[in-house]
């Protein structure tokens, strides 16, 4: 988790742990990893998870599992018109095609 942090997140983490938060990204990352290897408090571990979740937020609960939605799209009965699966998931149905002749 820590190795995916940006400079600002590493600075927040090191500042929270009372460590030096200045330097290049590589230096900050090495300090943060040393902090973990030397054993850190549960509060620091919670802060790491919080920063990680802020960086990579979870998807909306209703959209987190598309596998539950897609099978319903493929179970259309034969009387229904065919719809692109990705469009059907988004609730978009294409208009029927019509031929158009250009006017002069």
PDB file of N, CA and C in Angstrom:
ATOM      1  N   UNK A   1       0.825  -1.203   0.000  1.00  0.00           N
ATOM      2  CA  UNK A   1       0.000   0.000   0.000  1.00  0.00           C
ATOM      3  C   UNK A   1       0.861   1.255   0.000  1.00  0.00           C
ATOM      4  N   UNK A   2       1.823   1.281   0.900  1.00  0.00           N
ATOM      5  CA  UNK A   2       2.642   2.486   1.074  1.00  0.00           C
ATOM      6  C   UNK A   2       3.415   2.809  -0.203  1.00  0.00           C
ATOM      7  N   UNK A   3       3.861   1.806  -0.918  1.00  0.00           N
ATOM      8  CA  UNK A   3       4.650   2.060  -2.120  1.00  0.00           C
ATOM      9  C   UNK A   3       3.828   2.698  -3.243  1.00  0.00           C
ATOM     10  N   UNK A   4       2.510   2.683  -3.135  1.00  0.00           N
ATOM     11  CA  UNK A   4       1.658   3.322  -4.139  1.00  0.00           C
ATOM     12  C   UNK A   4       1.319   4.769  -3.781  1.00  0.00           C
ATOM     13  N   UNK A   5       1.762   5.240  -2.623  1.00  0.00           N
ATOM     14  CA  UNK A   5       1.441   6.593  -2.184  1.00  0.00           C
ATOM     15  C   UNK A   5       2.186   7.638  -2.992  1.00  0.00           C
ATOM     16  N   UNK A   6       1.556   8.807  -3.137  1.00  0.00           N
ATOM     17  CA  UNK A   6       2.195   9.969  -3.733  1.00  0.00           C
ATOM     18  C   UNK A   6       2.994  10.684  -2.656  1.00  0.00           C
ATOM     19  N   UNK A   7       3.762  11.677  -3.062  1.00  0.00           N
ATOM     20  CA  UNK A   7       4.602  12.427  -2.118  1.00  0.00           C
ATOM     21  C   UNK A   7       3.748  13.029  -1.007  1.00  0.00           C
ATOM     22  N   UNK A   8       2.631  13.633  -1.360  1.00  0.00           N
ATOM     23  CA  UNK A   8       1.780  14.281  -0.352  1.00  0.00           C
ATOM     24  C   UNK A   8       1.271  13.278   0.687  1.00  0.00           C
ATOM     25  N   UNK A   9       0.921  12.084   0.240  1.00  0.00           N
ATOM     26  CA  UNK A   9       0.430  11.063   1.171  1.00  0.00           C
ATOM     27  C   UNK A   9       1.550  10.547   2.061  1.00  0.00           C
ATOM     28  N   UNK A  10       2.746  10.393   1.500  1.00  0.00           N
ATOM     29  CA  UNK A  10       3.893   9.972   2.304  1.00  0.00           C
ATOM     30  C   UNK A  10       4.211  11.031   3.352  1.00  0.00           C
ATOM     31  N   UNK A  11       4.119  12.301   2.975  1.00  0.00           N
ATOM     32  CA  UNK A  11       4.375  13.383   3.928  1.00  0.00           C
ATOM     33  C   UNK A  11       3.354  13.383   5.054  1.00  0.00           C
ATOM     34  N   UNK A  12       2.097  13.156   4.721  1.00  0.00           N
ATOM     35  CA  UNK A  12       1.054  13.096   5.745  1.00  0.00           C
ATOM     36  C   UNK A  12       1.327  11.942   6.705  1.00  0.00           C
ATOM     37  N   UNK A  13       1.659  10.789   6.147  1.00  0.00           N
ATOM     38  CA  UNK A  13       1.930   9.608   6.967  1.00  0.00           C
ATOM     39  C   UNK A  13       3.124   9.837   7.885  1.00  0.00           C
ATOM     40  N   UNK A  14       4.220  10.330   7.340  1.00  0.00           N
ATOM     41  CA  UNK A  14       5.422  10.553   8.153  1.00  0.00           C
ATOM     42  C   UNK A  14       5.194  11.643   9.190  1.00  0.00           C
ATOM     43  N   UNK A  15       4.477  12.675   8.827  1.00  0.00           N
ATOM     44  CA  UNK A  15       4.145  13.725   9.791  1.00  0.00           C
ATOM     45  C   UNK A  15       3.284  13.186  10.919  1.00  0.00           C
ATOM     46  N   UNK A  16       2.343  12.333  10.578  1.00  0.00           N
ATOM     47  CA  UNK A  16       1.472  11.716  11.577  1.00  0.00           C
ATOM     48  C   UNK A  16       2.282  10.865  12.553  1.00  0.00           C
ATOM     49  N   UNK A  17       3.306  10.191  12.017  1.00  0.00           N
ATOM     50  CA  UNK A  17       4.135   9.313  12.850  1.00  0.00           C
ATOM     51  C   UNK A  17       5.247  10.071  13.566  1.00  0.00           C
ATOM     52  N   UNK A  18       5.322  11.384  13.332  1.00  0.00           N
ATOM     53  CA  UNK A  18       6.338  12.191  13.994  1.00  0.00           C
ATOM     54  C   UNK A  18       7.724  12.048  13.381  1.00  0.00           C
ATOM     55  N   UNK A  19       7.777  11.699  12.118  1.00  0.00           N
ATOM     56  CA  UNK A  19       9.047  11.543  11.412  1.00  0.00           C
ATOM     57  C   UNK A  19       9.280  12.724  10.481  1.00  0.00           C
ATOM     58  N   UNK A  20      10.511  12.846  10.008  1.00  0.00           N
ATOM     59  CA  UNK A  20      10.875  13.905   9.071  1.00  0.00           C
ATOM     60  C   UNK A  20      10.101  13.704   7.771  1.00  0.00           C
ATOM     61  N   UNK A  21       9.429  14.746   7.310  1.00  0.00           N
ATOM     62  CA  UNK A  21       8.601  14.615   6.111  1.00  0.00           C
ATOM     63  C   UNK A  21       9.116  15.437   4.940  1.00  0.00           C
ATOM     64  N   UNK A  22      10.411  15.772   4.956  1.00  0.00           N
ATOM     65  CA  UNK A  22      10.982  16.511   3.832  1.00  0.00           C
ATOM     66  C   UNK A  22      11.915  15.597   3.053  1.00  0.00           C
ATOM     67  N   UNK A  23      12.103  15.913   1.786  1.00  0.00           N
ATOM     68  CA  UNK A  23      12.991  15.131   0.947  1.00  0.00           C
ATOM     69  C   UNK A  23      12.321  14.677  -0.325  1.00  0.00           C
ATOM     70  N   UNK A  24      13.071  13.926  -1.106  1.00  0.00           N
ATOM     71  CA  UNK A  24      12.546  13.399  -2.360  1.00  0.00           C
ATOM     72  C   UNK A  24      11.645  12.203  -2.090  1.00  0.00           C
ATOM     73  N   UNK A  25      10.868  11.841  -3.112  1.00  0.00           N
ATOM     74  CA  UNK A  25       9.908  10.760  -2.950  1.00  0.00           C
ATOM     75  C   UNK A  25      10.597   9.466  -2.497  1.00  0.00           C
ATOM     76  N   UNK A  26      11.723   9.158  -3.098  1.00  0.00           N
ATOM     77  CA  UNK A  26      12.424   7.928  -2.734  1.00  0.00           C
ATOM     78  C   UNK A  26      12.800   7.939  -1.256  1.00  0.00           C
ATOM     79  N   UNK A  27      13.281   9.086  -0.758  1.00  0.00           N
ATOM     80  CA  UNK A  27      13.642   9.198   0.660  1.00  0.00           C
ATOM     81  C   UNK A  27      12.420   9.020   1.559  1.00  0.00           C
ATOM     82  N   UNK A  28      11.324   9.657   1.169  1.00  0.00           N
ATOM     83  CA  UNK A  28      10.089   9.550   1.951  1.00  0.00           C
ATOM     84  C   UNK A  28       9.592   8.106   1.979  1.00  0.00           C
ATOM     85  N   UNK A  29       9.651   7.459   0.827  1.00  0.00           N
ATOM     86  CA  UNK A  29       9.195   6.078   0.735  1.00  0.00           C
ATOM     87  C   UNK A  29      10.061   5.162   1.604  1.00  0.00           C
ATOM     88  N   UNK A  30      11.376   5.365   1.575  1.00  0.00           N
ATOM     89  CA  UNK A  30      12.273   4.544   2.397  1.00  0.00           C
ATOM     90  C   UNK A  30      11.990   4.752   3.894  1.00  0.00           C
ATOM     91  N   UNK A  31      11.733   5.997   4.282  1.00  0.00           N
ATOM     92  CA  UNK A  31      11.394   6.269   5.692  1.00  0.00           C
ATOM     93  C   UNK A  31      10.091   5.601   6.085  1.00  0.00           C
ATOM     94  N   UNK A  32       9.104   5.665   5.196  1.00  0.00           N
ATOM     95  CA  UNK A  32       7.798   5.062   5.496  1.00  0.00           C
ATOM     96  C   UNK A  32       7.916   3.544   5.594  1.00  0.00           C
ATOM     97  N   UNK A  33       8.685   2.942   4.695  1.00  0.00           N
ATOM     98  CA  UNK A  33       8.862   1.489   4.744  1.00  0.00           C
ATOM     99  C   UNK A  33       9.656   1.077   5.985  1.00  0.00           C
ATOM    100  N   UNK A  34      10.651   1.886   6.349  1.00  0.00           N
ATOM    101  CA  UNK A  34      11.414   1.595   7.573  1.00  0.00           C
ATOM    102  C   UNK A  34      10.499   1.699   8.794  1.00  0.00           C
ATOM    103  N   UNK A  35       9.596   2.663   8.765  1.00  0.00           N
ATOM    104  CA  UNK A  35       8.623   2.821   9.851  1.00  0.00           C
ATOM    105  C   UNK A  35       7.795   1.543  10.004  1.00  0.00           C
ATOM    106  N   UNK A  36       7.382   0.978   8.897  1.00  0.00           N
ATOM    107  CA  UNK A  36       6.587  -0.259   8.941  1.00  0.00           C
ATOM    108  C   UNK A  36       7.406  -1.441   9.435  1.00  0.00           C
ATOM    109  N   UNK A  37       8.647  -1.560   8.930  1.00  0.00           N
ATOM    110  CA  UNK A  37       9.480  -2.702   9.303  1.00  0.00           C
ATOM    111  C   UNK A  37       9.906  -2.655  10.770  1.00  0.00           C
ATOM    112  N   UNK A  38      10.060  -1.444  11.293  1.00  0.00           N
ATOM    113  CA  UNK A  38      10.489  -1.323  12.683  1.00  0.00           C
ATOM    114  C   UNK A  38       9.324  -1.499  13.653  1.00  0.00           C
ATOM    115  N   UNK A  39       8.149  -1.666  13.137  1.00  0.00           N
ATOM    116  CA  UNK A  39       6.967  -1.843  13.987  1.00  0.00           C
ATOM    117  C   UNK A  39       6.336  -0.502  14.287  1.00  0.00           C
ATOM    118  N   UNK A  40       5.138  -0.337  13.851  1.00  0.00           N
ATOM    119  CA  UNK A  40       4.464   0.941  14.081  1.00  0.00           C
ATOM    120  C   UNK A  40       3.195   0.702  14.898  1.00  0.00           C
ATOM    121  N   UNK A  41       2.692   1.787  15.438  1.00  0.00           N
ATOM    122  CA  UNK A  41       1.514   1.701  16.299  1.00  0.00           C
ATOM    123  C   UNK A  41       0.267   1.386  15.470  1.00  0.00           C
ATOM    124  N   UNK A  42      -0.760   0.881  16.107  1.00  0.00           N
ATOM    125  CA  UNK A  42      -2.029   0.632  15.391  1.00  0.00           C
ATOM    126  C   UNK A  42      -2.608   1.905  14.778  1.00  0.00           C
ATOM    127  N   UNK A  43      -2.362   3.059  15.419  1.00  0.00           N
ATOM    128  CA  UNK A  43      -2.864   4.320  14.871  1.00  0.00           C
ATOM    129  C   UNK A  43      -2.215   4.626  13.525  1.00  0.00           C
ATOM    130  N   UNK A  44      -0.924   4.326  13.394  1.00  0.00           N
ATOM    131  CA  UNK A  44      -0.230   4.543  12.125  1.00  0.00           C
ATOM    132  C   UNK A  44      -0.750   3.577  11.071  1.00  0.00           C
ATOM    133  N   UNK A  45      -1.019   2.346  11.455  1.00  0.00           N
ATOM    134  CA  UNK A  45      -1.574   1.371  10.515  1.00  0.00           C
ATOM    135  C   UNK A  45      -2.955   1.814  10.017  1.00  0.00           C
ATOM    136  N   UNK A  46      -3.745   2.363  10.910  1.00  0.00           N
ATOM    137  CA  UNK A  46      -5.063   2.875  10.528  1.00  0.00           C
ATOM    138  C   UNK A  46      -4.913   4.051   9.573  1.00  0.00           C
ATOM    139  N   UNK A  47      -3.926   4.916   9.845  1.00  0.00           N
ATOM    140  CA  UNK A  47      -3.676   6.070   8.977  1.00  0.00           C
ATOM    141  C   UNK A  47      -3.267   5.609   7.580  1.00  0.00           C
ATOM    142  N   UNK A  48      -2.464   4.570   7.494  1.00  0.00           N
ATOM    143  CA  UNK A  48      -2.051   4.031   6.192  1.00  0.00           C
ATOM    144  C   UNK A  48      -3.275   3.559   5.417  1.00  0.00           C
ATOM    145  N   UNK A  49      -4.150   2.817   6.070  1.00  0.00           N
ATOM    146  CA  UNK A  49      -5.374   2.335   5.406  1.00  0.00           C
ATOM    147  C   UNK A  49      -6.256   3.498   4.968  1.00  0.00           C
ATOM    148  N   UNK A  50      -6.358   4.509   5.830  1.00  0.00           N
ATOM    149  CA  UNK A  50      -7.172   5.681   5.506  1.00  0.00           C
ATOM    150  C   UNK A  50      -6.620   6.399   4.275  1.00  0.00           C
ATOM    151  N   UNK A  51      -5.318   6.612   4.227  1.00  0.00           N
ATOM    152  CA  UNK A  51      -4.703   7.282   3.076  1.00  0.00           C
ATOM    153  C   UNK A  51      -4.872   6.448   1.809  1.00  0.00           C
ATOM    154  N   UNK A  52      -4.749   5.139   1.936  1.00  0.00           N
ATOM    155  CA  UNK A  52      -4.905   4.253   0.782  1.00  0.00           C
ATOM    156  C   UNK A  52      -6.342   4.296   0.265  1.00  0.00           C
ATOM    157  N   UNK A  53      -7.297   4.264   1.168  1.00  0.00           N
ATOM    158  CA  UNK A  53      -8.707   4.300   0.743  1.00  0.00           C
ATOM    159  C   UNK A  53      -9.059   5.648   0.122  1.00  0.00           C
ATOM    160  N   UNK A  54      -8.435   6.706   0.611  1.00  0.00           N
ATOM    161  CA  UNK A  54      -8.672   8.024   0.037  1.00  0.00           C
ATOM    162  C   UNK A  54      -8.101   8.076  -1.385  1.00  0.00           C
ATOM    163  N   UNK A  55      -6.967   7.416  -1.588  1.00  0.00           N
ATOM    164  CA  UNK A  55      -6.313   7.400  -2.911  1.00  0.00           C
ATOM    165  C   UNK A  55      -7.064   6.492  -3.869  1.00  0.00           C
ATOM    166  N   UNK A  56      -7.535   5.362  -3.385  1.00  0.00           N
ATOM    167  CA  UNK A  56      -8.264   4.387  -4.204  1.00  0.00           C
ATOM    168  C   UNK A  56      -9.625   4.113  -3.577  1.00  0.00           C
ATOM    169  N   UNK A  57     -10.571   5.021  -3.752  1.00  0.00           N
ATOM    170  CA  UNK A  57     -11.885   4.806  -3.124  1.00  0.00           C
ATOM    171  C   UNK A  57     -12.605   3.618  -3.746  1.00  0.00           C
ATOM    172  N   UNK A  58     -13.396   2.973  -2.945  1.00  0.00           N
ATOM    173  CA  UNK A  58     -14.186   1.842  -3.439  1.00  0.00           C
ATOM    174  C   UNK A  58     -15.289   2.373  -4.324  1.00  0.00           C
ATOM    175  N   UNK A  59     -15.788   1.521  -5.222  1.00  0.00           N
ATOM    176  CA  UNK A  59     -16.863   1.939  -6.110  1.00  0.00           C
ATOM    177  C   UNK A  59     -18.160   2.025  -5.329  1.00  0.00           C
ATOM    178  N   UNK A  60     -19.156   2.626  -5.932  1.00  0.00           N
ATOM    179  CA  UNK A  60     -20.478   2.709  -5.317  1.00  0.00           C
ATOM    180  C   UNK A  60     -20.975   1.289  -5.101  1.00  0.00           C
ATOM    181  N   UNK A  61     -21.550   1.043  -3.946  1.00  0.00           N
ATOM    182  CA  UNK A  61     -21.959  -0.316  -3.581  1.00  0.00           C
ATOM    183  C   UNK A  61     -22.829  -0.976  -4.655  1.00  0.00           C
ATOM    184  N   UNK A  62     -23.752  -0.241  -5.240  1.00  0.00           N
ATOM    185  CA  UNK A  62     -24.642  -0.829  -6.232  1.00  0.00           C
ATOM    186  C   UNK A  62     -23.945  -1.197  -7.529  1.00  0.00           C
ATOM    187  N   UNK A  63     -22.824  -0.549  -7.844  1.00  0.00           N
ATOM    188  CA  UNK A  63     -22.122  -0.804  -9.089  1.00  0.00           C
ATOM    189  C   UNK A  63     -20.854  -1.619  -8.887  1.00  0.00           C
ATOM    190  N   UNK A  64     -20.587  -2.045  -7.669  1.00  0.00           N
ATOM    191  CA  UNK A  64     -19.329  -2.733  -7.402  1.00  0.00           C
ATOM    192  C   UNK A  64     -19.281  -4.119  -8.014  1.00  0.00           C
ATOM    193  N   UNK A  65     -20.415  -4.749  -8.243  1.00  0.00           N
ATOM    194  CA  UNK A  65     -20.412  -6.099  -8.790  1.00  0.00           C
ATOM    195  C   UNK A  65     -21.214  -6.126 -10.090  1.00  0.00           C
ATOM    196  N   UNK A  66     -20.539  -5.858 -11.197  1.00  0.00           N
ATOM    197  CA  UNK A  66     -21.222  -5.861 -12.485  1.00  0.00           C
ATOM    198  C   UNK A  66     -21.600  -7.260 -12.932  1.00  0.00           C
ATOM    199  N   UNK A  67     -20.993  -8.280 -12.329  1.00  0.00           N
ATOM    200  CA  UNK A  67     -21.332  -9.643 -12.722  1.00  0.00           C
ATOM    201  C   UNK A  67     -22.783  -9.962 -12.382  1.00  0.00           C
ATOM    202  N   UNK A  68     -23.340  -9.261 -11.409  1.00  0.00           N
ATOM    203  CA  UNK A  68     -24.739  -9.487 -11.058  1.00  0.00           C
ATOM    204  C   UNK A  68     -25.670  -8.842 -12.083  1.00  0.00           C
ATOM    205  N   UNK A  69     -25.192  -7.819 -12.785  1.00  0.00           N
ATOM    206  CA  UNK A  69     -26.027  -7.103 -13.739  1.00  0.00           C
ATOM    207  C   UNK A  69     -25.954  -7.746 -15.120  1.00  0.00           C
ATOM    208  N   UNK A  70     -24.758  -8.060 -15.596  1.00  0.00           N
ATOM    209  CA  UNK A  70     -24.579  -8.532 -16.969  1.00  0.00           C
ATOM    210  C   UNK A  70     -25.362  -9.794 -17.301  1.00  0.00           C
ATOM    211  N   UNK A  71     -25.460 -10.822 -16.434  1.00  0.00           N
ATOM    212  CA  UNK A  71     -26.242 -11.997 -16.821  1.00  0.00           C
ATOM    213  C   UNK A  71     -27.696 -11.655 -17.141  1.00  0.00           C
ATOM    214  N   UNK A  72     -28.277 -10.676 -16.490  1.00  0.00           N
ATOM    215  CA  UNK A  72     -29.656 -10.293 -16.764  1.00  0.00           C
ATOM    216  C   UNK A  72     -29.781  -9.725 -18.167  1.00  0.00           C
ATOM    217  N   UNK A  73     -28.753  -9.073 -18.656  1.00  0.00           N
ATOM    218  CA  UNK A  73     -28.784  -8.502 -20.000  1.00  0.00           C
ATOM    219  C   UNK A  73     -28.823  -9.607 -21.048  1.00  0.00           C
ATOM    220  N   UNK A  74     -28.106 -10.688 -20.831  1.00  0.00           N
ATOM    221  CA  UNK A  74     -28.047 -11.770 -21.799  1.00  0.00           C
ATOM    222  C   UNK A  74     -29.258 -12.688 -21.729  1.00  0.00           C
ATOM    223  N   UNK A  75     -30.110 -12.539 -20.749  1.00  0.00           N
ATOM    224  CA  UNK A  75     -31.294 -13.382 -20.608  1.00  0.00           C
ATOM    225  C   UNK A  75     -32.517 -12.733 -21.235  1.00  0.00           C
ATOM    226  N   UNK A  76     -32.328 -11.909 -22.258  1.00  0.00           N
ATOM    227  CA  UNK A  76     -33.463 -11.287 -22.928  1.00  0.00           C
ATOM    228  C   UNK A  76     -34.254 -12.359 -23.664  1.00  0.00           C
ATOM    229  N   UNK A  77     -35.566 -12.247 -23.634  1.00  0.00           N
ATOM    230  CA  UNK A  77     -36.351 -13.238 -24.358  1.00  0.00           C
ATOM    231  C   UNK A  77     -36.320 -12.927 -25.856  1.00  0.00           C
ATOM    232  N   UNK A  78     -36.767 -13.862 -26.659  1.00  0.00           N
ATOM    233  CA  UNK A  78     -36.641 -13.738 -28.113  1.00  0.00           C
ATOM    234  C   UNK A  78     -37.506 -12.627 -28.691  1.00  0.00           C
ATOM    235  N   UNK A  79     -38.538 -12.186 -27.976  1.00  0.00           N
ATOM    236  CA  UNK A  79     -39.395 -11.133 -28.502  1.00  0.00           C
ATOM    237  C   UNK A  79     -38.768  -9.752 -28.335  1.00  0.00           C
ATOM    238  N   UNK A  80     -37.745  -9.646 -27.515  1.00  0.00           N
ATOM    239  CA  UNK A  80     -37.080  -8.367 -27.317  1.00  0.00           C
ATOM    240  C   UNK A  80     -36.127  -8.096 -28.462  1.00  0.00           C
ATOM    241  N   UNK A  81     -35.903  -6.832 -28.722  1.00  0.00           N
ATOM    242  CA  UNK A  81     -34.938  -6.482 -29.761  1.00  0.00           C
ATOM    243  C   UNK A  81     -33.531  -6.583 -29.191  1.00  0.00           C
ATOM    244  N   UNK A  82     -32.562  -6.964 -30.024  1.00  0.00           N
ATOM    245  CA  UNK A  82     -31.196  -7.090 -29.515  1.00  0.00           C
ATOM    246  C   UNK A  82     -30.640  -5.728 -29.120  1.00  0.00           C
ATOM    247  N   UNK A  83     -29.916  -5.717 -28.038  1.00  0.00           N
ATOM    248  CA  UNK A  83     -29.342  -4.486 -27.509  1.00  0.00           C
ATOM    249  C   UNK A  83     -27.895  -4.766 -27.177  1.00  0.00           C
ATOM    250  N   UNK A  84     -27.025  -3.807 -27.439  1.00  0.00           N
ATOM    251  CA  UNK A  84     -25.624  -3.950 -27.055  1.00  0.00           C
ATOM    252  C   UNK A  84     -25.561  -4.138 -25.545  1.00  0.00           C
ATOM    253  N   UNK A  85     -24.859  -5.142 -25.033  1.00  0.00           N
ATOM    254  CA  UNK A  85     -24.823  -5.404 -23.595  1.00  0.00           C
ATOM    255  C   UNK A  85     -24.333  -4.217 -22.771  1.00  0.00           C
ATOM    256  N   UNK A  86     -23.268  -3.537 -23.220  1.00  0.00           N
ATOM    257  CA  UNK A  86     -22.753  -2.414 -22.442  1.00  0.00           C
ATOM    258  C   UNK A  86     -23.732  -1.254 -22.419  1.00  0.00           C
ATOM    259  N   UNK A  87     -24.470  -1.075 -23.507  1.00  0.00           N
ATOM    260  CA  UNK A  87     -25.456  -0.003 -23.543  1.00  0.00           C
ATOM    261  C   UNK A  87     -26.652  -0.342 -22.671  1.00  0.00           C
ATOM    262  N   UNK A  88     -27.040  -1.611 -22.647  1.00  0.00           N
ATOM    263  CA  UNK A  88     -28.181  -2.017 -21.840  1.00  0.00           C
ATOM    264  C   UNK A  88     -27.886  -1.837 -20.362  1.00  0.00           C
ATOM    265  N   UNK A  89     -26.655  -2.122 -19.951  1.00  0.00           N
ATOM    266  CA  UNK A  89     -26.279  -1.948 -18.553  1.00  0.00           C
ATOM    267  C   UNK A  89     -26.419  -0.487 -18.173  1.00  0.00           C
ATOM    268  N   UNK A  90     -26.059   0.408 -19.101  1.00  0.00           N
ATOM    269  CA  UNK A  90     -26.138   1.838 -18.819  1.00  0.00           C
ATOM    270  C   UNK A  90     -27.552   2.362 -19.003  1.00  0.00           C
ATOM    271  N   UNK A  91     -28.487   1.525 -19.460  1.00  0.00           N
ATOM    272  CA  UNK A  91     -29.868   1.957 -19.648  1.00  0.00           C
ATOM    273  C   UNK A  91     -30.064   2.685 -20.964  1.00  0.00           C
ATOM    274  N   UNK A  92     -29.160   2.511 -21.917  1.00  0.00           N
ATOM    275  CA  UNK A  92     -29.235   3.193 -23.206  1.00  0.00           C
ATOM    276  C   UNK A  92     -29.651   2.175 -24.258  1.00  0.00           C
ATOM    277  N   UNK A  93     -30.673   2.489 -24.987  1.00  0.00           N
ATOM    278  CA  UNK A  93     -31.138   1.608 -26.048  1.00  0.00           C
ATOM    279  C   UNK A  93     -31.032   2.360 -27.366  1.00  0.00           C
ATOM    280  N   UNK A  94     -30.370   1.796 -28.379  1.00  0.00           N
ATOM    281  CA  UNK A  94     -30.195   2.497 -29.645  1.00  0.00           C
ATOM    282  C   UNK A  94     -31.516   2.668 -30.381  1.00  0.00           C
ATOM    283  N   UNK A  95     -31.590   3.736 -31.163  1.00  0.00           N
ATOM    284  CA  UNK A  95     -32.775   3.984 -31.973  1.00  0.00           C
ATOM    285  C   UNK A  95     -32.743   3.066 -33.177  1.00  0.00           C
ATOM    286  N   UNK A  96     -33.921   2.702 -33.717  1.00  0.00           N
ATOM    287  CA  UNK A  96     -33.920   1.856 -34.907  1.00  0.00           C
ATOM    288  C   UNK A  96     -33.275   2.595 -36.077  1.00  0.00           C
ATOM    289  N   UNK A  97     -32.575   1.867 -36.925  1.00  0.00           N
ATOM    290  CA  UNK A  97     -31.894   2.516 -38.045  1.00  0.00           C
ATOM    291  C   UNK A  97     -32.896   2.852 -39.147  1.00  0.00           C
ATOM    292  N   UNK A  98     -32.692   3.988 -39.770  1.00  0.00           N
ATOM    293  CA  UNK A  98     -33.531   4.399 -40.901  1.00  0.00           C
ATOM    294  C   UNK A  98     -32.604   4.864 -41.996  1.00  0.00           C
ATOM    295  N   UNK A  99     -33.044   4.714 -43.222  1.00  0.00           N
ATOM    296  CA  UNK A  99     -32.199   5.190 -44.320  1.00  0.00           C
ATOM    297  C   UNK A  99     -32.504   6.647 -44.566  1.00  0.00           C
ATOM    298  N   UNK A 100     -31.457   7.427 -44.753  1.00  0.00           N
ATOM    299  CA  UNK A 100     -31.601   8.861 -44.977  1.00  0.00           C
ATOM    300  C   UNK A 100     -30.936   9.187 -46.293  1.00  0.00           C
ATOM    301  N   UNK A 101     -31.660   9.919 -47.141  1.00  0.00           N
ATOM    302  CA  UNK A 101     -31.075  10.343 -48.405  1.00  0.00           C
ATOM    303  C   UNK A 101     -30.701  11.795 -48.295  1.00  0.00           C
ATOM    304  N   UNK A 102     -29.510  12.169 -48.781  1.00  0.00           N
ATOM    305  CA  UNK A 102     -29.109  13.570 -48.692  1.00  0.00           C
ATOM    306  C   UNK A 102     -29.944  14.434 -49.619  1.00  0.00           C
ATOM    307  N   UNK A 103     -30.242  15.624 -49.187  1.00  0.00           N
ATOM    308  CA  UNK A 103     -30.999  16.562 -50.032  1.00  0.00           C
ATOM    309  C   UNK A 103     -30.042  17.499 -50.718  1.00  0.00           C
ATOM    310  N   UNK A 104     -30.384  17.912 -51.950  1.00  0.00           N
ATOM    311  CA  UNK A 104     -29.490  18.802 -52.675  1.00  0.00           C
ATOM    312  C   UNK A 104     -29.793  20.257 -52.407  1.00  0.00           C
TER     313      UNK A 104
END
